Amino acid sequence: MNKKLSTQLWMAVVIAGSILSPAPTIIAGNTAKNQVIAEKRFKEGFIEDVKTMALKKNREVLQEKAAVKRFQELTQNGSGLSSSDKLWLQKVAVRYQVTSLASKPIAQWSSREWQTLENKIDIVPVSIVVAQAVHESNFGRSNLAQKGHNLFGQKTQKTGYLIKCGTTTKTFKVFKSHQDSVNAYIDNINGCHAYREFRMARLSCRDNNQCLEGLALLDHIAVRYAEDQNYTKSVTRLMTQYDMRRFDYII
């Protein structure tokens, strides 16, 4: 084989190899792009899941509110309630932390006490629920969320998931599902005395026929939820970045 033919064959092999083998930079570029797409889809999926759970709980809350109002009207009109209805009302009073009504005969509840209970039973803006779940659990990736289905860092005095914080150990609630965590979060915001200012601001919005917007009400929760002085800013940033405000207008 002459030198010219050998050179031609060698060049042909090189060219064929370059055609069949994609450039490493292209492979790396595609991998990085796919990772970005996968991450975006993962976060969007988590946001959608929590939004759905928050809407479900809020709708149940509104059904409870309507039932309480109906039972109030029946009681004040002199109509008796069934034993199951009375038991249900007492359980609702306990869950919304109006403990003074738990052992008091329902026929003796005053109009003011009925109103106190009813004012606690209302929705928490979905944008707040979703943004806090994202912030507290890092899109459901935290150990607490993975092992305890706890999306909001809810603590407990009872046996739960233990996390060491320096020299101390904190105990967090363990839930059977993320939905249970969302339900407990909304019940806590509605019942706990710490969030009284939030409920007053919410009631004011209701009295003025205003939409319950997360951005307007967030600070009333955030100032009592965490010690971090930048907590409101961090959660607000998430609400804005992922356009969560639109969730507050879903019926």
C-alpha atoms as a PDB file:
ATOM      1  CA  MET A   1       0.000   0.000   0.000  1.00  0.00           C
ATOM      2  CA  ASN A   2       1.478   3.347  -1.027  1.00  0.00           C
ATOM      3  CA  LYS A   3       1.850   6.242   1.352  1.00  0.00           C
ATOM      4  CA  LYS A   4      -0.885   8.346  -0.296  1.00  0.00           C
ATOM      5  CA  LEU A   5      -3.495   5.587  -0.022  1.00  0.00           C
ATOM      6  CA  SER A   6      -2.552   4.915   3.612  1.00  0.00           C
ATOM      7  CA  THR A   7      -3.042   8.579   4.461  1.00  0.00           C
ATOM      8  CA  GLN A   8      -6.449   8.628   2.750  1.00  0.00           C
ATOM      9  CA  LEU A   9      -7.609   5.560   4.669  1.00  0.00           C
ATOM     10  CA  TRP A  10      -6.450   7.056   7.970  1.00  0.00           C
ATOM     11  CA  MET A  11      -8.351  10.290   7.286  1.00  0.00           C
ATOM     12  CA  ALA A  12     -11.491   8.317   6.394  1.00  0.00           C
ATOM     13  CA  VAL A  13     -11.358   6.491   9.738  1.00  0.00           C
ATOM     14  CA  VAL A  14     -10.924   9.755  11.627  1.00  0.00           C
ATOM     15  CA  ILE A  15     -13.841  11.376   9.819  1.00  0.00           C
ATOM     16  CA  ALA A  16     -16.091   8.362  10.372  1.00  0.00           C
ATOM     17  CA  GLY A  17     -15.226   8.324  14.054  1.00  0.00           C
ATOM     18  CA  SER A  18     -16.023  12.003  14.445  1.00  0.00           C
ATOM     19  CA  ILE A  19     -19.397  11.485  12.810  1.00  0.00           C
ATOM     20  CA  LEU A  20     -20.349   8.446  14.898  1.00  0.00           C
ATOM     21  CA  SER A  21     -19.056   9.823  18.228  1.00  0.00           C
ATOM     22  CA  PRO A  22     -20.893  12.899  19.569  1.00  0.00           C
ATOM     23  CA  ALA A  23     -18.749  15.621  21.012  1.00  0.00           C
ATOM     24  CA  PRO A  24     -18.301  15.411  24.804  1.00  0.00           C
ATOM     25  CA  THR A  25     -19.345  19.042  25.204  1.00  0.00           C
ATOM     26  CA  ILE A  26     -22.657  18.345  23.494  1.00  0.00           C
ATOM     27  CA  ILE A  27     -23.335  15.350  25.765  1.00  0.00           C
ATOM     28  CA  ALA A  28     -22.494  17.410  28.851  1.00  0.00           C
ATOM     29  CA  GLY A  29     -24.679  20.250  27.622  1.00  0.00           C
ATOM     30  CA  ASN A  30     -27.650  17.971  27.044  1.00  0.00           C
ATOM     31  CA  THR A  31     -27.238  16.326  30.452  1.00  0.00           C
ATOM     32  CA  ALA A  32     -27.181  19.676  32.233  1.00  0.00           C
ATOM     33  CA  LYS A  33     -30.225  20.842  30.274  1.00  0.00           C
ATOM     34  CA  ASN A  34     -32.126  17.659  31.144  1.00  0.00           C
ATOM     35  CA  GLN A  35     -31.256  18.091  34.810  1.00  0.00           C
ATOM     36  CA  VAL A  36     -32.588  21.643  34.778  1.00  0.00           C
ATOM     37  CA  ILE A  37     -35.806  20.474  33.137  1.00  0.00           C
ATOM     38  CA  ALA A  38     -36.203  17.596  35.614  1.00  0.00           C
ATOM     39  CA  GLU A  39     -35.617  19.914  38.583  1.00  0.00           C
ATOM     40  CA  LYS A  40     -38.176  22.403  37.263  1.00  0.00           C
ATOM     41  CA  ARG A  41     -40.762  19.662  36.779  1.00  0.00           C
ATOM     42  CA  PHE A  42     -40.093  18.250  40.245  1.00  0.00           C
ATOM     43  CA  LYS A  43     -40.642  21.617  41.916  1.00  0.00           C
ATOM     44  CA  GLU A  44     -43.743  22.342  39.863  1.00  0.00           C
ATOM     45  CA  GLY A  45     -45.104  18.917  40.795  1.00  0.00           C
ATOM     46  CA  PHE A  46     -44.573  19.514  44.501  1.00  0.00           C
ATOM     47  CA  ILE A  47     -46.215  22.928  44.308  1.00  0.00           C
ATOM     48  CA  GLU A  48     -49.196  21.466  42.449  1.00  0.00           C
ATOM     49  CA  ASP A  49     -49.567  18.637  44.984  1.00  0.00           C
ATOM     50  CA  VAL A  50     -49.547  20.948  48.014  1.00  0.00           C
ATOM     51  CA  LYS A  51     -51.898  23.378  46.261  1.00  0.00           C
ATOM     52  CA  THR A  52     -54.363  20.533  45.691  1.00  0.00           C
ATOM     53  CA  MET A  53     -54.106  19.410  49.330  1.00  0.00           C
ATOM     54  CA  ALA A  54     -54.588  22.968  50.629  1.00  0.00           C
ATOM     55  CA  LEU A  55     -57.647  23.491  48.432  1.00  0.00           C
ATOM     56  CA  LYS A  56     -59.123  20.210  49.657  1.00  0.00           C
ATOM     57  CA  LYS A  57     -58.660  21.162  53.305  1.00  0.00           C
ATOM     58  CA  ASN A  58     -59.972  24.707  52.775  1.00  0.00           C
ATOM     59  CA  ARG A  59     -63.125  23.357  51.149  1.00  0.00           C
ATOM     60  CA  GLU A  60     -63.666  21.063  54.120  1.00  0.00           C
ATOM     61  CA  VAL A  61     -63.188  24.043  56.448  1.00  0.00           C
ATOM     62  CA  LEU A  62     -65.860  26.031  54.612  1.00  0.00           C
ATOM     63  CA  GLN A  63     -68.228  23.077  54.881  1.00  0.00           C
ATOM     64  CA  GLU A  64     -67.563  22.986  58.629  1.00  0.00           C
ATOM     65  CA  LYS A  65     -68.249  26.714  58.871  1.00  0.00           C
ATOM     66  CA  ALA A  66     -71.592  26.310  57.101  1.00  0.00           C
ATOM     67  CA  ALA A  67     -72.536  23.388  59.366  1.00  0.00           C
ATOM     68  CA  VAL A  68     -71.686  25.346  62.539  1.00  0.00           C
ATOM     69  CA  LYS A  69     -73.782  28.281  61.341  1.00  0.00           C
ATOM     70  CA  ARG A  70     -76.688  25.965  60.572  1.00  0.00           C
ATOM     71  CA  PHE A  71     -76.499  24.325  64.006  1.00  0.00           C
ATOM     72  CA  GLN A  72     -76.383  27.752  65.636  1.00  0.00           C
ATOM     73  CA  GLU A  73     -79.582  28.788  63.857  1.00  0.00           C
ATOM     74  CA  LEU A  74     -81.319  25.551  64.816  1.00  0.00           C
ATOM     75  CA  THR A  75     -80.286  25.916  68.461  1.00  0.00           C
ATOM     76  CA  GLN A  76     -81.326  29.548  68.707  1.00  0.00           C
ATOM     77  CA  ASN A  77     -84.668  28.719  67.094  1.00  0.00           C
ATOM     78  CA  GLY A  78     -85.307  26.184  69.831  1.00  0.00           C
ATOM     79  CA  SER A  79     -84.735  23.093  67.685  1.00  0.00           C
ATOM     80  CA  GLY A  80     -82.887  20.275  69.361  1.00  0.00           C
ATOM     81  CA  LEU A  81     -79.720  18.739  67.957  1.00  0.00           C
ATOM     82  CA  SER A  82     -79.041  15.029  67.734  1.00  0.00           C
ATOM     83  CA  SER A  83     -76.438  13.449  69.998  1.00  0.00           C
ATOM     84  CA  SER A  84     -74.125  12.952  67.024  1.00  0.00           C
ATOM     85  CA  ASP A  85     -74.478  16.613  66.043  1.00  0.00           C
ATOM     86  CA  LYS A  86     -73.667  17.744  69.577  1.00  0.00           C
ATOM     87  CA  LEU A  87     -70.641  15.465  69.715  1.00  0.00           C
ATOM     88  CA  TRP A  88     -69.452  16.773  66.355  1.00  0.00           C
ATOM     89  CA  LEU A  89     -69.762  20.382  67.539  1.00  0.00           C
ATOM     90  CA  GLN A  90     -67.801  19.656  70.707  1.00  0.00           C
ATOM     91  CA  LYS A  91     -65.017  18.007  68.692  1.00  0.00           C
ATOM     92  CA  VAL A  92     -64.906  20.996  66.354  1.00  0.00           C
ATOM     93  CA  ALA A  93     -64.673  23.357  69.351  1.00  0.00           C
ATOM     94  CA  VAL A  94     -61.719  21.367  70.708  1.00  0.00           C
ATOM     95  CA  ARG A  95     -59.931  21.236  67.349  1.00  0.00           C
ATOM     96  CA  TYR A  96     -60.273  25.002  66.914  1.00  0.00           C
ATOM     97  CA  GLN A  97     -59.076  25.447  70.512  1.00  0.00           C
ATOM     98  CA  VAL A  98     -62.266  27.014  71.878  1.00  0.00           C
ATOM     99  CA  THR A  99     -61.915  24.701  74.864  1.00  0.00           C
ATOM    100  CA  SER A 100     -64.416  26.593  77.024  1.00  0.00           C
ATOM    101  CA  LEU A 101     -67.198  25.196  74.834  1.00  0.00           C
ATOM    102  CA  ALA A 102     -66.021  21.584  74.926  1.00  0.00           C
ATOM    103  CA  SER A 103     -67.771  20.717  78.186  1.00  0.00           C
ATOM    104  CA  LYS A 104     -70.490  23.379  78.124  1.00  0.00           C
ATOM    105  CA  PRO A 105     -74.020  22.331  77.061  1.00  0.00           C
ATOM    106  CA  ILE A 106     -74.567  23.560  73.525  1.00  0.00           C
ATOM    107  CA  ALA A 107     -77.964  25.005  74.417  1.00  0.00           C
ATOM    108  CA  GLN A 108     -76.116  27.385  76.765  1.00  0.00           C
ATOM    109  CA  TRP A 109     -73.640  28.700  74.186  1.00  0.00           C
ATOM    110  CA  SER A 110     -74.053  32.455  73.876  1.00  0.00           C
ATOM    111  CA  SER A 111     -74.218  34.269  70.530  1.00  0.00           C
ATOM    112  CA  ARG A 112     -70.749  35.632  71.235  1.00  0.00           C
ATOM    113  CA  GLU A 113     -69.350  32.140  71.830  1.00  0.00           C
ATOM    114  CA  TRP A 114     -70.913  30.858  68.625  1.00  0.00           C
ATOM    115  CA  GLN A 115     -69.365  33.806  66.780  1.00  0.00           C
ATOM    116  CA  THR A 116     -65.956  33.205  68.335  1.00  0.00           C
ATOM    117  CA  LEU A 117     -65.988  29.649  67.034  1.00  0.00           C
ATOM    118  CA  GLU A 118     -67.301  30.610  63.624  1.00  0.00           C
ATOM    119  CA  ASN A 119     -64.656  33.318  63.143  1.00  0.00           C
ATOM    120  CA  LYS A 120     -61.916  30.746  63.673  1.00  0.00           C
ATOM    121  CA  ILE A 121     -63.320  28.466  60.985  1.00  0.00           C
ATOM    122  CA  ASP A 122     -62.143  29.893  57.690  1.00  0.00           C
ATOM    123  CA  ILE A 123     -59.615  29.234  54.950  1.00  0.00           C
ATOM    124  CA  VAL A 124     -55.898  29.957  55.022  1.00  0.00           C
ATOM    125  CA  PRO A 125     -54.761  31.446  51.680  1.00  0.00           C
ATOM    126  CA  VAL A 126     -53.398  28.647  49.512  1.00  0.00           C
ATOM    127  CA  SER A 127     -50.408  30.738  48.468  1.00  0.00           C
ATOM    128  CA  ILE A 128     -49.272  30.915  52.108  1.00  0.00           C
ATOM    129  CA  VAL A 129     -49.724  27.180  52.659  1.00  0.00           C
ATOM    130  CA  VAL A 130     -47.753  26.266  49.530  1.00  0.00           C
ATOM    131  CA  ALA A 131     -44.973  28.822  50.033  1.00  0.00           C
ATOM    132  CA  GLN A 132     -44.401  27.785  53.645  1.00  0.00           C
ATOM    133  CA  ALA A 133     -44.377  24.100  52.694  1.00  0.00           C
ATOM    134  CA  VAL A 134     -41.743  24.831  50.042  1.00  0.00           C
ATOM    135  CA  HIS A 135     -39.652  26.914  52.431  1.00  0.00           C
ATOM    136  CA  GLU A 136     -39.898  24.590  55.435  1.00  0.00           C
ATOM    137  CA  SER A 137     -39.374  21.291  53.583  1.00  0.00           C
ATOM    138  CA  ASN A 138     -37.254  22.335  50.582  1.00  0.00           C
ATOM    139  CA  PHE A 139     -39.889  21.069  48.146  1.00  0.00           C
ATOM    140  CA  GLY A 140     -40.506  17.983  50.268  1.00  0.00           C
ATOM    141  CA  ARG A 141     -36.849  16.935  50.289  1.00  0.00           C
ATOM    142  CA  SER A 142     -36.057  17.502  53.958  1.00  0.00           C
ATOM    143  CA  ASN A 143     -35.542  14.490  56.213  1.00  0.00           C
ATOM    144  CA  LEU A 144     -38.546  15.574  58.232  1.00  0.00           C
ATOM    145  CA  ALA A 145     -40.741  15.590  55.132  1.00  0.00           C
ATOM    146  CA  GLN A 146     -39.313  12.333  53.807  1.00  0.00           C
ATOM    147  CA  LYS A 147     -39.445  10.346  57.046  1.00  0.00           C
ATOM    148  CA  GLY A 148     -42.283  12.042  58.899  1.00  0.00           C
ATOM    149  CA  HIS A 149     -44.460  13.556  56.126  1.00  0.00           C
ATOM    150  CA  ASN A 150     -44.003  16.813  58.041  1.00  0.00           C
ATOM    151  CA  LEU A 151     -43.970  19.722  55.566  1.00  0.00           C
ATOM    152  CA  PHE A 152     -44.106  22.642  57.999  1.00  0.00           C
ATOM    153  CA  GLY A 153     -41.730  21.775  60.833  1.00  0.00           C
ATOM    154  CA  GLN A 154     -44.613  21.179  63.228  1.00  0.00           C
ATOM    155  CA  LYS A 155     -43.280  20.323  66.689  1.00  0.00           C
ATOM    156  CA  THR A 156     -44.798  18.168  69.409  1.00  0.00           C
ATOM    157  CA  GLN A 157     -44.302  17.452  73.102  1.00  0.00           C
ATOM    158  CA  LYS A 158     -45.087  13.793  72.462  1.00  0.00           C
ATOM    159  CA  THR A 159     -43.032  11.030  70.858  1.00  0.00           C
ATOM    160  CA  GLY A 160     -42.061  12.007  67.331  1.00  0.00           C
ATOM    161  CA  TYR A 161     -39.191  12.541  64.927  1.00  0.00           C
ATOM    162  CA  LEU A 162     -36.087  13.677  66.800  1.00  0.00           C
ATOM    163  CA  ILE A 163     -33.628  16.203  65.384  1.00  0.00           C
ATOM    164  CA  LYS A 164     -30.504  17.352  67.210  1.00  0.00           C
ATOM    165  CA  CYS A 165     -29.987  21.095  67.228  1.00  0.00           C
ATOM    166  CA  GLY A 166     -26.616  21.722  68.821  1.00  0.00           C
ATOM    167  CA  THR A 167     -26.799  20.379  72.347  1.00  0.00           C
ATOM    168  CA  THR A 168     -30.603  20.167  72.381  1.00  0.00           C
ATOM    169  CA  THR A 169     -33.024  17.769  70.744  1.00  0.00           C
ATOM    170  CA  LYS A 170     -36.298  18.925  69.203  1.00  0.00           C
ATOM    171  CA  THR A 171     -39.244  16.635  68.656  1.00  0.00           C
ATOM    172  CA  PHE A 172     -41.333  17.007  65.525  1.00  0.00           C
ATOM    173  CA  LYS A 173     -44.702  15.563  64.629  1.00  0.00           C
ATOM    174  CA  VAL A 174     -44.919  12.506  62.424  1.00  0.00           C
ATOM    175  CA  PHE A 175     -47.846  12.318  60.022  1.00  0.00           C
ATOM    176  CA  LYS A 176     -49.241   9.451  57.975  1.00  0.00           C
ATOM    177  CA  SER A 177     -49.317  11.591  54.831  1.00  0.00           C
ATOM    178  CA  HIS A 178     -48.529  15.038  53.485  1.00  0.00           C
ATOM    179  CA  GLN A 179     -52.258  15.738  53.451  1.00  0.00           C
ATOM    180  CA  ASP A 180     -52.386  15.158  57.204  1.00  0.00           C
ATOM    181  CA  SER A 181     -49.538  17.646  57.616  1.00  0.00           C
ATOM    182  CA  VAL A 182     -51.394  20.262  55.559  1.00  0.00           C
ATOM    183  CA  ASN A 183     -54.579  19.635  57.551  1.00  0.00           C
ATOM    184  CA  ALA A 184     -52.759  20.048  60.872  1.00  0.00           C
ATOM    185  CA  TYR A 185     -51.041  23.227  59.688  1.00  0.00           C
ATOM    186  CA  ILE A 186     -54.323  24.892  58.695  1.00  0.00           C
ATOM    187  CA  ASP A 187     -56.021  23.749  61.925  1.00  0.00           C
ATOM    188  CA  ASN A 188     -53.125  25.228  63.908  1.00  0.00           C
ATOM    189  CA  ILE A 189     -53.287  28.591  62.135  1.00  0.00           C
ATOM    190  CA  ASN A 190     -57.040  28.687  62.713  1.00  0.00           C
ATOM    191  CA  GLY A 191     -56.978  27.585  66.329  1.00  0.00           C
ATOM    192  CA  CYS A 192     -53.759  28.652  68.018  1.00  0.00           C
ATOM    193  CA  HIS A 193     -53.801  31.904  70.021  1.00  0.00           C
ATOM    194  CA  ALA A 194     -50.450  32.901  68.461  1.00  0.00           C
ATOM    195  CA  TYR A 195     -52.186  33.562  65.126  1.00  0.00           C
ATOM    196  CA  ARG A 196     -55.022  35.665  66.535  1.00  0.00           C
ATOM    197  CA  GLU A 197     -53.820  38.742  64.622  1.00  0.00           C
ATOM    198  CA  PHE A 198     -53.936  36.796  61.359  1.00  0.00           C
ATOM    199  CA  ARG A 199     -57.535  35.754  62.041  1.00  0.00           C
ATOM    200  CA  MET A 200     -58.510  39.338  62.896  1.00  0.00           C
ATOM    201  CA  ALA A 201     -56.968  40.580  59.644  1.00  0.00           C
ATOM    202  CA  ARG A 202     -58.746  37.792  57.750  1.00  0.00           C
ATOM    203  CA  LEU A 203     -62.064  38.714  59.353  1.00  0.00           C
ATOM    204  CA  SER A 204     -61.511  42.340  58.385  1.00  0.00           C
ATOM    205  CA  CYS A 205     -61.010  41.259  54.772  1.00  0.00           C
ATOM    206  CA  ARG A 206     -64.230  39.251  54.942  1.00  0.00           C
ATOM    207  CA  ASP A 207     -66.163  42.197  56.413  1.00  0.00           C
ATOM    208  CA  ASN A 208     -64.937  44.367  53.538  1.00  0.00           C
ATOM    209  CA  ASN A 209     -65.659  41.732  50.877  1.00  0.00           C
ATOM    210  CA  GLN A 210     -61.983  41.463  49.994  1.00  0.00           C
ATOM    211  CA  CYS A 211     -60.243  38.406  48.595  1.00  0.00           C
ATOM    212  CA  LEU A 212     -58.032  36.651  51.138  1.00  0.00           C
ATOM    213  CA  GLU A 213     -54.643  37.253  49.509  1.00  0.00           C
ATOM    214  CA  GLY A 214     -51.557  35.569  50.889  1.00  0.00           C
ATOM    215  CA  LEU A 215     -49.214  38.468  50.251  1.00  0.00           C
ATOM    216  CA  ALA A 216     -51.390  40.789  52.330  1.00  0.00           C
ATOM    217  CA  LEU A 217     -51.869  38.345  55.217  1.00  0.00           C
ATOM    218  CA  LEU A 218     -48.549  36.480  55.328  1.00  0.00           C
ATOM    219  CA  ASP A 219     -46.775  38.727  57.830  1.00  0.00           C
ATOM    220  CA  HIS A 220     -49.471  38.107  60.468  1.00  0.00           C
ATOM    221  CA  ILE A 221     -48.451  34.440  60.394  1.00  0.00           C
ATOM    222  CA  ALA A 222     -44.738  34.730  59.682  1.00  0.00           C
ATOM    223  CA  VAL A 223     -43.892  36.970  62.648  1.00  0.00           C
ATOM    224  CA  ARG A 224     -45.135  34.270  65.013  1.00  0.00           C
ATOM    225  CA  TYR A 225     -44.117  31.208  63.022  1.00  0.00           C
ATOM    226  CA  ALA A 226     -40.340  31.572  63.015  1.00  0.00           C
ATOM    227  CA  GLU A 227     -37.630  33.488  64.839  1.00  0.00           C
ATOM    228  CA  ASP A 228     -35.796  34.289  61.593  1.00  0.00           C
ATOM    229  CA  GLN A 229     -36.213  38.011  60.975  1.00  0.00           C
ATOM    230  CA  ASN A 230     -36.005  37.408  57.216  1.00  0.00           C
ATOM    231  CA  TYR A 231     -38.689  34.722  57.267  1.00  0.00           C
ATOM    232  CA  THR A 232     -41.384  36.927  55.709  1.00  0.00           C
ATOM    233  CA  LYS A 233     -39.033  38.040  52.941  1.00  0.00           C
ATOM    234  CA  SER A 234     -37.977  34.475  52.180  1.00  0.00           C
ATOM    235  CA  VAL A 235     -41.531  33.173  51.929  1.00  0.00           C
ATOM    236  CA  THR A 236     -42.680  36.245  49.990  1.00  0.00           C
ATOM    237  CA  ARG A 237     -39.870  35.667  47.505  1.00  0.00           C
ATOM    238  CA  LEU A 238     -41.123  32.138  46.870  1.00  0.00           C
ATOM    239  CA  MET A 239     -44.710  33.323  46.459  1.00  0.00           C
ATOM    240  CA  THR A 240     -43.580  35.843  43.855  1.00  0.00           C
ATOM    241  CA  GLN A 241     -41.063  33.604  42.070  1.00  0.00           C
ATOM    242  CA  TYR A 242     -43.605  30.837  41.474  1.00  0.00           C
ATOM    243  CA  ASP A 243     -46.603  33.145  40.978  1.00  0.00           C
ATOM    244  CA  MET A 244     -48.509  31.579  43.870  1.00  0.00           C
ATOM    245  CA  ARG A 245     -50.840  34.566  44.216  1.00  0.00           C
ATOM    246  CA  ARG A 246     -53.048  33.026  41.519  1.00  0.00           C
ATOM    247  CA  PHE A 247     -53.847  30.140  43.886  1.00  0.00           C
ATOM    248  CA  ASP A 248     -55.802  32.493  46.157  1.00  0.00           C
ATOM    249  CA  TYR A 249     -58.422  33.019  43.462  1.00  0.00           C
ATOM    250  CA  ILE A 250     -59.239  29.334  42.943  1.00  0.00           C
ATOM    251  CA  ILE A 251     -62.623  28.460  44.402  1.00  0.00           C
END
